[in-house]
All heavy atoms as atom14 arrays in JSON, in Angstrom:
{
  "sequence": "DLIDACTEALAEFEGRSNPVSRRTFQNDLALMRSDRLGYN",
  "atom14_mask": [
    [1, 1, 1, 1, 1, 1, 1, 1, 0, 0, 0, 0, 0, 0],
    [1, 1, 1, 1, 1, 1, 1, 1, 0, 0, 0, 0, 0, 0],
    [1, 1, 1, 1, 1, 1, 1, 1, 0, 0, 0, 0, 0, 0],
    [1, 1, 1, 1, 1, 1, 1, 1, 0, 0, 0, 0, 0, 0],
    [1, 1, 1, 1, 1, 0, 0, 0, 0, 0, 0, 0, 0, 0],
    [1, 1, 1, 1, 1, 1, 0, 0, 0, 0, 0, 0, 0, 0],
    [1, 1, 1, 1, 1, 1, 1, 0, 0, 0, 0, 0, 0, 0],
    [1, 1, 1, 1, 1, 1, 1, 1, 1, 0, 0, 0, 0, 0],
    [1, 1, 1, 1, 1, 0, 0, 0, 0, 0, 0, 0, 0, 0],
    [1, 1, 1, 1, 1, 1, 1, 1, 0, 0, 0, 0, 0, 0],
    [1, 1, 1, 1, 1, 0, 0, 0, 0, 0, 0, 0, 0, 0],
    [1, 1, 1, 1, 1, 1, 1, 1, 1, 0, 0, 0, 0, 0],
    [1, 1, 1, 1, 1, 1, 1, 1, 1, 1, 1, 0, 0, 0],
    [1, 1, 1, 1, 1, 1, 1, 1, 1, 0, 0, 0, 0, 0],
    [1, 1, 1, 1, 0, 0, 0, 0, 0, 0, 0, 0, 0, 0],
    [1, 1, 1, 1, 1, 1, 1, 1, 1, 1, 1, 0, 0, 0],
    [1, 1, 1, 1, 1, 1, 0, 0, 0, 0, 0, 0, 0, 0],
    [1, 1, 1, 1, 1, 1, 1, 1, 0, 0, 0, 0, 0, 0],
    [1, 1, 1, 1, 1, 1, 1, 0, 0, 0, 0, 0, 0, 0],
    [1, 1, 1, 1, 1, 1, 1, 0, 0, 0, 0, 0, 0, 0],
    [1, 1, 1, 1, 1, 1, 0, 0, 0, 0, 0, 0, 0, 0],
    [1, 1, 1, 1, 1, 1, 1, 1, 1, 1, 1, 0, 0, 0],
    [1, 1, 1, 1, 1, 1, 1, 1, 1, 1, 1, 0, 0, 0],
    [1, 1, 1, 1, 1, 1, 1, 0, 0, 0, 0, 0, 0, 0],
    [1, 1, 1, 1, 1, 1, 1, 1, 1, 1, 1, 0, 0, 0],
    [1, 1, 1, 1, 1, 1, 1, 1, 1, 0, 0, 0, 0, 0],
    [1, 1, 1, 1, 1, 1, 1, 1, 0, 0, 0, 0, 0, 0],
    [1, 1, 1, 1, 1, 1, 1, 1, 0, 0, 0, 0, 0, 0],
    [1, 1, 1, 1, 1, 1, 1, 1, 0, 0, 0, 0, 0, 0],
    [1, 1, 1, 1, 1, 0, 0, 0, 0, 0, 0, 0, 0, 0],
    [1, 1, 1, 1, 1, 1, 1, 1, 0, 0, 0, 0, 0, 0],
    [1, 1, 1, 1, 1, 1, 1, 1, 0, 0, 0, 0, 0, 0],
    [1, 1, 1, 1, 1, 1, 1, 1, 1, 1, 1, 0, 0, 0],
    [1, 1, 1, 1, 1, 1, 0, 0, 0, 0, 0, 0, 0, 0],
    [1, 1, 1, 1, 1, 1, 1, 1, 0, 0, 0, 0, 0, 0],
    [1, 1, 1, 1, 1, 1, 1, 1, 1, 1, 1, 0, 0, 0],
    [1, 1, 1, 1, 1, 1, 1, 1, 0, 0, 0, 0, 0, 0],
    [1, 1, 1, 1, 0, 0, 0, 0, 0, 0, 0, 0, 0, 0],
    [1, 1, 1, 1, 1, 1, 1, 1, 1, 1, 1, 1, 0, 0],
    [1, 1, 1, 1, 1, 1, 1, 1, 0, 0, 0, 0, 0, 0]
  ],
  "atom14_positions": [
    [[-119.79, -130.21, 31.02], [-119.32, -130.37, 32.39], [-118.38, -129.23, 32.78], [-118.48, -128.65, 33.87], [-118.57, -131.7, 32.56], [-119.49, -132.9, 32.4], [-120.69, -132.76, 32.66], [-118.99, -133.97, 32.0], [0.0, 0.0, 0.0], [0.0, 0.0, 0.0], [0.0, 0.0, 0.0], [0.0, 0.0, 0.0], [0.0, 0.0, 0.0], [0.0, 0.0, 0.0]],
    [[-117.45, -128.91, 31.89], [-116.47, -127.86, 32.16], [-117.12, -126.49, 32.22], [-116.77, -125.65, 33.06], [-115.36, -127.89, 31.11], [-114.46, -129.14, 31.15], [-113.55, -129.18, 29.93], [-113.64, -129.18, 32.44], [0.0, 0.0, 0.0], [0.0, 0.0, 0.0], [0.0, 0.0, 0.0], [0.0, 0.0, 0.0], [0.0, 0.0, 0.0], [0.0, 0.0, 0.0]],
    [[-118.07, -126.25, 31.32], [-118.79, -124.98, 31.33], [-119.57, -124.82, 32.62], [-119.59, -123.75, 33.24], [-119.71, -124.86, 30.1], [-118.87, -124.64, 28.83], [-120.71, -123.71, 30.28], [-119.68, -124.63, 27.56], [0.0, 0.0, 0.0], [0.0, 0.0, 0.0], [0.0, 0.0, 0.0], [0.0, 0.0, 0.0], [0.0, 0.0, 0.0], [0.0, 0.0, 0.0]],
    [[-120.23, -125.9, 33.06], [-120.97, -125.86, 34.32], [-120.05, -125.58, 35.51], [-120.4, -124.81, 36.41], [-121.71, -127.18, 34.55], [-122.89, -127.37, 33.61], [-123.31, -126.37, 32.99], [-123.38, -128.52, 33.49], [0.0, 0.0, 0.0], [0.0, 0.0, 0.0], [0.0, 0.0, 0.0], [0.0, 0.0, 0.0], [0.0, 0.0, 0.0], [0.0, 0.0, 0.0]],
    [[-118.87, -126.2, 35.5], [-117.92, -125.99, 36.59], [-117.45, -124.53, 36.64], [-117.33, -123.93, 37.71], [-116.72, -126.92, 36.43], [0.0, 0.0, 0.0], [0.0, 0.0, 0.0], [0.0, 0.0, 0.0], [0.0, 0.0, 0.0], [0.0, 0.0, 0.0], [0.0, 0.0, 0.0], [0.0, 0.0, 0.0], [0.0, 0.0, 0.0], [0.0, 0.0, 0.0]],
    [[-117.2, -123.95, 35.46], [-116.78, -122.55, 35.38], [-117.9, -121.63, 35.85], [-117.66, -120.64, 36.57], [-116.37, -122.19, 33.96], [-114.84, -122.98, 33.41], [0.0, 0.0, 0.0], [0.0, 0.0, 0.0], [0.0, 0.0, 0.0], [0.0, 0.0, 0.0], [0.0, 0.0, 0.0], [0.0, 0.0, 0.0], [0.0, 0.0, 0.0], [0.0, 0.0, 0.0]],
    [[-119.13, -121.94, 35.45], [-120.28, -121.13, 35.86], [-120.45, -121.15, 37.38], [-120.69, -120.12, 38.01], [-121.56, -121.64, 35.18], [-121.42, -121.53, 33.76], [-122.77, -120.83, 35.63], [0.0, 0.0, 0.0], [0.0, 0.0, 0.0], [0.0, 0.0, 0.0], [0.0, 0.0, 0.0], [0.0, 0.0, 0.0], [0.0, 0.0, 0.0], [0.0, 0.0, 0.0]],
    [[-120.3, -122.34, 37.98], [-120.43, -122.47, 39.43], [-119.31, -121.72, 40.16], [-119.55, -121.08, 41.19], [-120.41, -123.95, 39.82], [-121.67, -124.71, 39.39], [-121.55, -126.2, 39.64], [-120.55, -126.62, 40.27], [-122.46, -126.95, 39.21], [0.0, 0.0, 0.0], [0.0, 0.0, 0.0], [0.0, 0.0, 0.0], [0.0, 0.0, 0.0], [0.0, 0.0, 0.0]],
    [[-118.11, -121.79, 39.62], [-116.98, -121.09, 40.25], [-117.2, -119.58, 40.22], [-116.94, -118.88, 41.21], [-115.67, -121.46, 39.55], [0.0, 0.0, 0.0], [0.0, 0.0, 0.0], [0.0, 0.0, 0.0], [0.0, 0.0, 0.0], [0.0, 0.0, 0.0], [0.0, 0.0, 0.0], [0.0, 0.0, 0.0], [0.0, 0.0, 0.0], [0.0, 0.0, 0.0]],
    [[-117.68, -119.07, 39.09], [-117.94, -117.63, 39.0], [-119.07, -117.22, 39.94], [-119.04, -116.13, 40.52], [-118.3, -117.25, 37.56], [-117.14, -117.27, 36.56], [-117.66, -117.03, 35.14], [-116.1, -116.22, 36.92], [0.0, 0.0, 0.0], [0.0, 0.0, 0.0], [0.0, 0.0, 0.0], [0.0, 0.0, 0.0], [0.0, 0.0, 0.0], [0.0, 0.0, 0.0]],
    [[-120.05, -118.09, 40.1], [-121.16, -117.79, 41.0], [-120.67, -117.69, 42.44], [-121.13, -116.84, 43.21], [-122.24, -118.87, 40.89], [0.0, 0.0, 0.0], [0.0, 0.0, 0.0], [0.0, 0.0, 0.0], [0.0, 0.0, 0.0], [0.0, 0.0, 0.0], [0.0, 0.0, 0.0], [0.0, 0.0, 0.0], [0.0, 0.0, 0.0], [0.0, 0.0, 0.0]],
    [[-119.71, -118.54, 42.82], [-119.16, -118.5, 44.17], [-118.43, -117.19, 44.43], [-118.53, -116.59, 45.49], [-118.21, -119.68, 44.4], [-118.88, -121.03, 44.44], [-119.73, -121.21, 45.69], [-119.61, -120.41, 46.63], [-120.52, -122.16, 45.72], [0.0, 0.0, 0.0], [0.0, 0.0, 0.0], [0.0, 0.0, 0.0], [0.0, 0.0, 0.0], [0.0, 0.0, 0.0]],
    [[-117.67, -116.71, 43.42], [-116.89, -115.49, 43.58], [-117.76, -114.25, 43.47], [-117.6, -113.29, 44.21], [-115.79, -115.41, 42.51], [-114.52, -116.1, 42.92], [-114.29, -117.42, 42.59], [-113.55, -115.43, 43.64], [-113.12, -118.06, 42.96], [-112.38, -116.06, 44.02], [-112.16, -117.38, 43.69], [0.0, 0.0, 0.0], [0.0, 0.0, 0.0], [0.0, 0.0, 0.0]],
    [[-118.68, -114.24, 42.49], [-119.39, -113.01, 42.15], [-120.83, -112.98, 42.63], [-121.52, -111.98, 42.47], [-119.34, -112.8, 40.63], [-117.9, -112.67, 40.13], [-117.81, -112.55, 38.61], [-118.85, -112.73, 37.94], [-116.72, -112.27, 38.1], [0.0, 0.0, 0.0], [0.0, 0.0, 0.0], [0.0, 0.0, 0.0], [0.0, 0.0, 0.0], [0.0, 0.0, 0.0]],
    [[-121.32, -114.09, 43.19], [-122.65, -114.11, 43.74], [-123.77, -114.12, 42.72], [-124.92, -113.83, 43.03], [0.0, 0.0, 0.0], [0.0, 0.0, 0.0], [0.0, 0.0, 0.0], [0.0, 0.0, 0.0], [0.0, 0.0, 0.0], [0.0, 0.0, 0.0], [0.0, 0.0, 0.0], [0.0, 0.0, 0.0], [0.0, 0.0, 0.0], [0.0, 0.0, 0.0]],
    [[-123.47, -114.41, 41.48], [-124.51, -114.49, 40.46], [-124.15, -115.6, 39.48], [-122.99, -115.82, 39.2], [-124.67, -113.17, 39.72], [-123.36, -112.62, 39.16], [-123.55, -111.27, 38.5], [-122.31, -110.78, 37.94], [-122.2, -109.62, 37.33], [-123.26, -108.84, 37.21], [-121.04, -109.23, 36.84], [0.0, 0.0, 0.0], [0.0, 0.0, 0.0], [0.0, 0.0, 0.0]],
    [[-125.14, -116.26, 38.94], [-124.87, -117.43, 38.11], [-125.24, -117.17, 36.65], [-126.19, -117.74, 36.13], [-125.64, -118.65, 38.64], [-127.01, -118.34, 38.76], [0.0, 0.0, 0.0], [0.0, 0.0, 0.0], [0.0, 0.0, 0.0], [0.0, 0.0, 0.0], [0.0, 0.0, 0.0], [0.0, 0.0, 0.0], [0.0, 0.0, 0.0], [0.0, 0.0, 0.0]],
    [[-124.51, -116.28, 36.01], [-124.68, -116.09, 34.57], [-123.92, -117.2, 33.85], [-122.71, -117.34, 34.03], [-124.13, -114.72, 34.13], [-124.92, -113.58, 34.74], [-126.11, -113.73, 34.99], [-124.27, -112.47, 34.99], [0.0, 0.0, 0.0], [0.0, 0.0, 0.0], [0.0, 0.0, 0.0], [0.0, 0.0, 0.0], [0.0, 0.0, 0.0], [0.0, 0.0, 0.0]],
    [[-124.6, -118.01, 33.04], [-123.93, -119.14, 32.39], [-122.76, -118.68, 31.52], [-122.85, -117.67, 30.81], [-125.04, -119.76, 31.54], [-126.32, -119.29, 32.16], [-126.03, -117.93, 32.7], [0.0, 0.0, 0.0], [0.0, 0.0, 0.0], [0.0, 0.0, 0.0], [0.0, 0.0, 0.0], [0.0, 0.0, 0.0], [0.0, 0.0, 0.0], [0.0, 0.0, 0.0]],
    [[-121.67, -119.43, 31.59], [-120.52, -119.17, 30.72], [-120.89, -119.66, 29.31], [-121.36, -120.78, 29.14], [-119.27, -119.91, 31.23], [-118.12, -119.78, 30.25], [-118.88, -119.37, 32.61], [0.0, 0.0, 0.0], [0.0, 0.0, 0.0], [0.0, 0.0, 0.0], [0.0, 0.0, 0.0], [0.0, 0.0, 0.0], [0.0, 0.0, 0.0], [0.0, 0.0, 0.0]],
    [[-120.66, -118.83, 28.31], [-121.01, -119.21, 26.95], [-119.96, -120.15, 26.36], [-118.82, -120.21, 26.82], [-121.12, -117.97, 26.06], [-119.85, -117.38, 25.88], [0.0, 0.0, 0.0], [0.0, 0.0, 0.0], [0.0, 0.0, 0.0], [0.0, 0.0, 0.0], [0.0, 0.0, 0.0], [0.0, 0.0, 0.0], [0.0, 0.0, 0.0], [0.0, 0.0, 0.0]],
    [[-120.37, -120.9, 25.33], [-119.42, -121.8, 24.66], [-118.29, -121.01, 24.03], [-117.14, -121.45, 24.02], [-120.14, -122.62, 23.59], [-120.95, -123.79, 24.17], [-121.51, -124.68, 23.08], [-122.14, -125.86, 23.68], [-121.79, -127.1, 23.42], [-120.82, -127.35, 22.56], [-122.39, -128.11, 23.99], [0.0, 0.0, 0.0], [0.0, 0.0, 0.0], [0.0, 0.0, 0.0]],
    [[-118.62, -119.84, 23.49], [-117.59, -119.02, 22.85], [-116.54, -118.59, 23.87], [-115.34, -118.64, 23.6], [-118.23, -117.79, 22.2], [-117.22, -116.89, 21.5], [-117.93, -115.75, 20.79], [-116.97, -114.89, 20.11], [-117.3, -113.81, 19.42], [-118.58, -113.47, 19.3], [-116.37, -113.06, 18.85], [0.0, 0.0, 0.0], [0.0, 0.0, 0.0], [0.0, 0.0, 0.0]],
    [[-117.0, -118.17, 25.06], [-116.06, -117.78, 26.11], [-115.2, -118.96, 26.53], [-113.98, -118.83, 26.7], [-116.82, -117.24, 27.33], [-117.53, -116.05, 26.95], [-115.88, -116.9, 28.47], [0.0, 0.0, 0.0], [0.0, 0.0, 0.0], [0.0, 0.0, 0.0], [0.0, 0.0, 0.0], [0.0, 0.0, 0.0], [0.0, 0.0, 0.0], [0.0, 0.0, 0.0]],
    [[-115.82, -120.12, 26.67], [-115.09, -121.34, 27.05], [-114.03, -121.69, 26.0], [-112.89, -122.0, 26.33], [-116.06, -122.5, 27.23], [-115.38, -123.81, 27.48], [-114.84, -124.11, 28.72], [-115.27, -124.76, 26.46], [-114.21, -125.33, 28.95], [-114.64, -125.97, 26.68], [-114.11, -126.25, 27.93], [0.0, 0.0, 0.0], [0.0, 0.0, 0.0], [0.0, 0.0, 0.0]],
    [[-114.41, -121.61, 24.71], [-113.45, -121.91, 23.64], [-112.3, -120.91, 23.65], [-111.14, -121.28, 23.4], [-114.17, -121.9, 22.29], [-115.21, -123.0, 22.11], [-114.6, -124.4, 22.02], [-113.39, -124.57, 22.06], [-115.47, -125.41, 21.91], [0.0, 0.0, 0.0], [0.0, 0.0, 0.0], [0.0, 0.0, 0.0], [0.0, 0.0, 0.0], [0.0, 0.0, 0.0]],
    [[-112.6, -119.65, 23.95], [-111.53, -118.64, 24.05], [-110.58, -118.96, 25.19], [-109.35, -118.78, 25.08], [-112.13, -117.25, 24.25], [-112.79, -116.71, 23.0], [-112.49, -117.15, 21.89], [-113.68, -115.76, 23.17], [0.0, 0.0, 0.0], [0.0, 0.0, 0.0], [0.0, 0.0, 0.0], [0.0, 0.0, 0.0], [0.0, 0.0, 0.0], [0.0, 0.0, 0.0]],
    [[-111.14, -119.45, 26.3], [-110.29, -119.83, 27.45], [-109.39, -121.01, 27.08], [-108.2, -121.02, 27.44], [-111.16, -120.2, 28.65], [-111.91, -119.02, 29.23], [-111.47, -117.88, 29.0], [-112.93, -119.24, 29.9], [0.0, 0.0, 0.0], [0.0, 0.0, 0.0], [0.0, 0.0, 0.0], [0.0, 0.0, 0.0], [0.0, 0.0, 0.0], [0.0, 0.0, 0.0]],
    [[-109.94, -121.99, 26.39], [-109.12, -123.13, 25.96], [-108.0, -122.68, 25.03], [-106.86, -123.14, 25.15], [-109.99, -124.18, 25.24], [-110.9, -125.07, 26.09], [-111.5, -126.16, 25.21], [-110.14, -125.71, 27.25], [0.0, 0.0, 0.0], [0.0, 0.0, 0.0], [0.0, 0.0, 0.0], [0.0, 0.0, 0.0], [0.0, 0.0, 0.0], [0.0, 0.0, 0.0]],
    [[-108.35, -121.79, 24.1], [-107.34, -121.28, 23.16], [-106.23, -120.55, 23.91], [-105.05, -120.67, 23.57], [-108.0, -120.37, 22.13], [0.0, 0.0, 0.0], [0.0, 0.0, 0.0], [0.0, 0.0, 0.0], [0.0, 0.0, 0.0], [0.0, 0.0, 0.0], [0.0, 0.0, 0.0], [0.0, 0.0, 0.0], [0.0, 0.0, 0.0], [0.0, 0.0, 0.0]],
    [[-106.61, -119.78, 24.95], [-105.63, -119.06, 25.75], [-104.71, -120.04, 26.48], [-103.48, -119.85, 26.52], [-106.34, -118.16, 26.76], [-105.46, -117.35, 27.72], [-104.62, -116.36, 26.94], [-106.33, -116.63, 28.75], [0.0, 0.0, 0.0], [0.0, 0.0, 0.0], [0.0, 0.0, 0.0], [0.0, 0.0, 0.0], [0.0, 0.0, 0.0], [0.0, 0.0, 0.0]],
    [[-105.28, -121.1, 27.04], [-104.49, -122.08, 27.77], [-103.57, -122.87, 26.83], [-102.44, -123.2, 27.19], [-105.4, -123.04, 28.52], [-106.21, -122.38, 29.64], [-107.41, -123.52, 30.41], [-106.3, -124.61, 31.3], [0.0, 0.0, 0.0], [0.0, 0.0, 0.0], [0.0, 0.0, 0.0], [0.0, 0.0, 0.0], [0.0, 0.0, 0.0], [0.0, 0.0, 0.0]],
    [[-104.05, -123.14, 25.63], [-103.24, -123.91, 24.67], [-102.14, -123.08, 24.03], [-101.15, -123.62, 23.53], [-104.15, -124.46, 23.57], [-105.0, -125.66, 23.98], [-106.07, -125.94, 22.96], [-106.71, -127.24, 23.14], [-107.91, -127.56, 22.67], [-108.61, -126.66, 21.98], [-108.4, -128.76, 22.88], [0.0, 0.0, 0.0], [0.0, 0.0, 0.0], [0.0, 0.0, 0.0]],
    [[-102.3, -121.77, 24.05], [-101.36, -120.89, 23.36], [-100.12, -120.62, 24.2], [-100.02, -121.03, 25.36], [-102.05, -119.57, 23.01], [-102.2, -118.78, 24.19], [0.0, 0.0, 0.0], [0.0, 0.0, 0.0], [0.0, 0.0, 0.0], [0.0, 0.0, 0.0], [0.0, 0.0, 0.0], [0.0, 0.0, 0.0], [0.0, 0.0, 0.0], [0.0, 0.0, 0.0]],
    [[-99.21, -119.86, 23.6], [-97.98, -119.47, 24.29], [-98.09, -118.08, 24.9], [-97.13, -117.56, 25.44], [-96.81, -119.5, 23.3], [-95.46, -119.32, 23.99], [-95.26, -119.96, 25.04], [-94.65, -118.52, 23.49], [0.0, 0.0, 0.0], [0.0, 0.0, 0.0], [0.0, 0.0, 0.0], [0.0, 0.0, 0.0], [0.0, 0.0, 0.0], [0.0, 0.0, 0.0]],
    [[-99.28, -117.5, 24.8], [-99.43, -116.13, 25.26], [-99.04, -115.98, 26.73], [-98.37, -115.03, 27.11], [-100.87, -115.66, 25.06], [-101.08, -114.23, 25.56], [-102.52, -113.78, 25.5], [-102.7, -112.63, 26.34], [-103.86, -112.13, 26.68], [-104.97, -112.7, 26.25], [-103.96, -111.08, 27.47], [0.0, 0.0, 0.0], [0.0, 0.0, 0.0], [0.0, 0.0, 0.0]],
    [[-99.48, -116.93, 27.57], [-99.12, -116.91, 28.98], [-98.02, -117.92, 29.3], [-97.63, -118.08, 30.46], [-100.35, -117.2, 29.86], [-101.52, -116.22, 29.72], [-102.67, -116.63, 30.62], [-101.08, -114.81, 30.05], [0.0, 0.0, 0.0], [0.0, 0.0, 0.0], [0.0, 0.0, 0.0], [0.0, 0.0, 0.0], [0.0, 0.0, 0.0], [0.0, 0.0, 0.0]],
    [[-97.57, -118.61, 28.27], [-96.52, -119.6, 28.47], [-97.03, -120.96, 28.88], [-96.25, -121.83, 29.28], [0.0, 0.0, 0.0], [0.0, 0.0, 0.0], [0.0, 0.0, 0.0], [0.0, 0.0, 0.0], [0.0, 0.0, 0.0], [0.0, 0.0, 0.0], [0.0, 0.0, 0.0], [0.0, 0.0, 0.0], [0.0, 0.0, 0.0], [0.0, 0.0, 0.0]],
    [[-98.36, -121.2, 28.82], [-98.93, -122.47, 29.25], [-98.68, -123.59, 28.24], [-98.21, -124.67, 28.59], [-100.44, -122.35, 29.49], [-100.82, -121.47, 30.66], [-102.05, -120.82, 30.68], [-99.98, -121.31, 31.75], [-102.42, -120.02, 31.75], [-100.33, -120.52, 32.82], [-101.55, -119.87, 32.82], [-101.91, -119.09, 33.87], [0.0, 0.0, 0.0], [0.0, 0.0, 0.0]],
    [[-99.06, -123.35, 26.98], [-99.01, -124.4, 25.96], [-99.67, -125.68, 26.48], [-99.14, -126.79, 26.34], [-97.56, -124.7, 25.54], [-96.93, -123.51, 24.82], [-97.45, -123.03, 23.83], [-95.81, -123.03, 25.35], [0.0, 0.0, 0.0], [0.0, 0.0, 0.0], [0.0, 0.0, 0.0], [0.0, 0.0, 0.0], [0.0, 0.0, 0.0], [0.0, 0.0, 0.0]]
  ]
}
């Protein structure tokens, strides 16, 4: 569900619907969970 939502959002911005890969999605989750941007 989350991957589909990300794919649709990118399609709206960039005009093309290249599916977001699971690896990219997992990297995004890791970024959000980390302290790199202060999100945790």
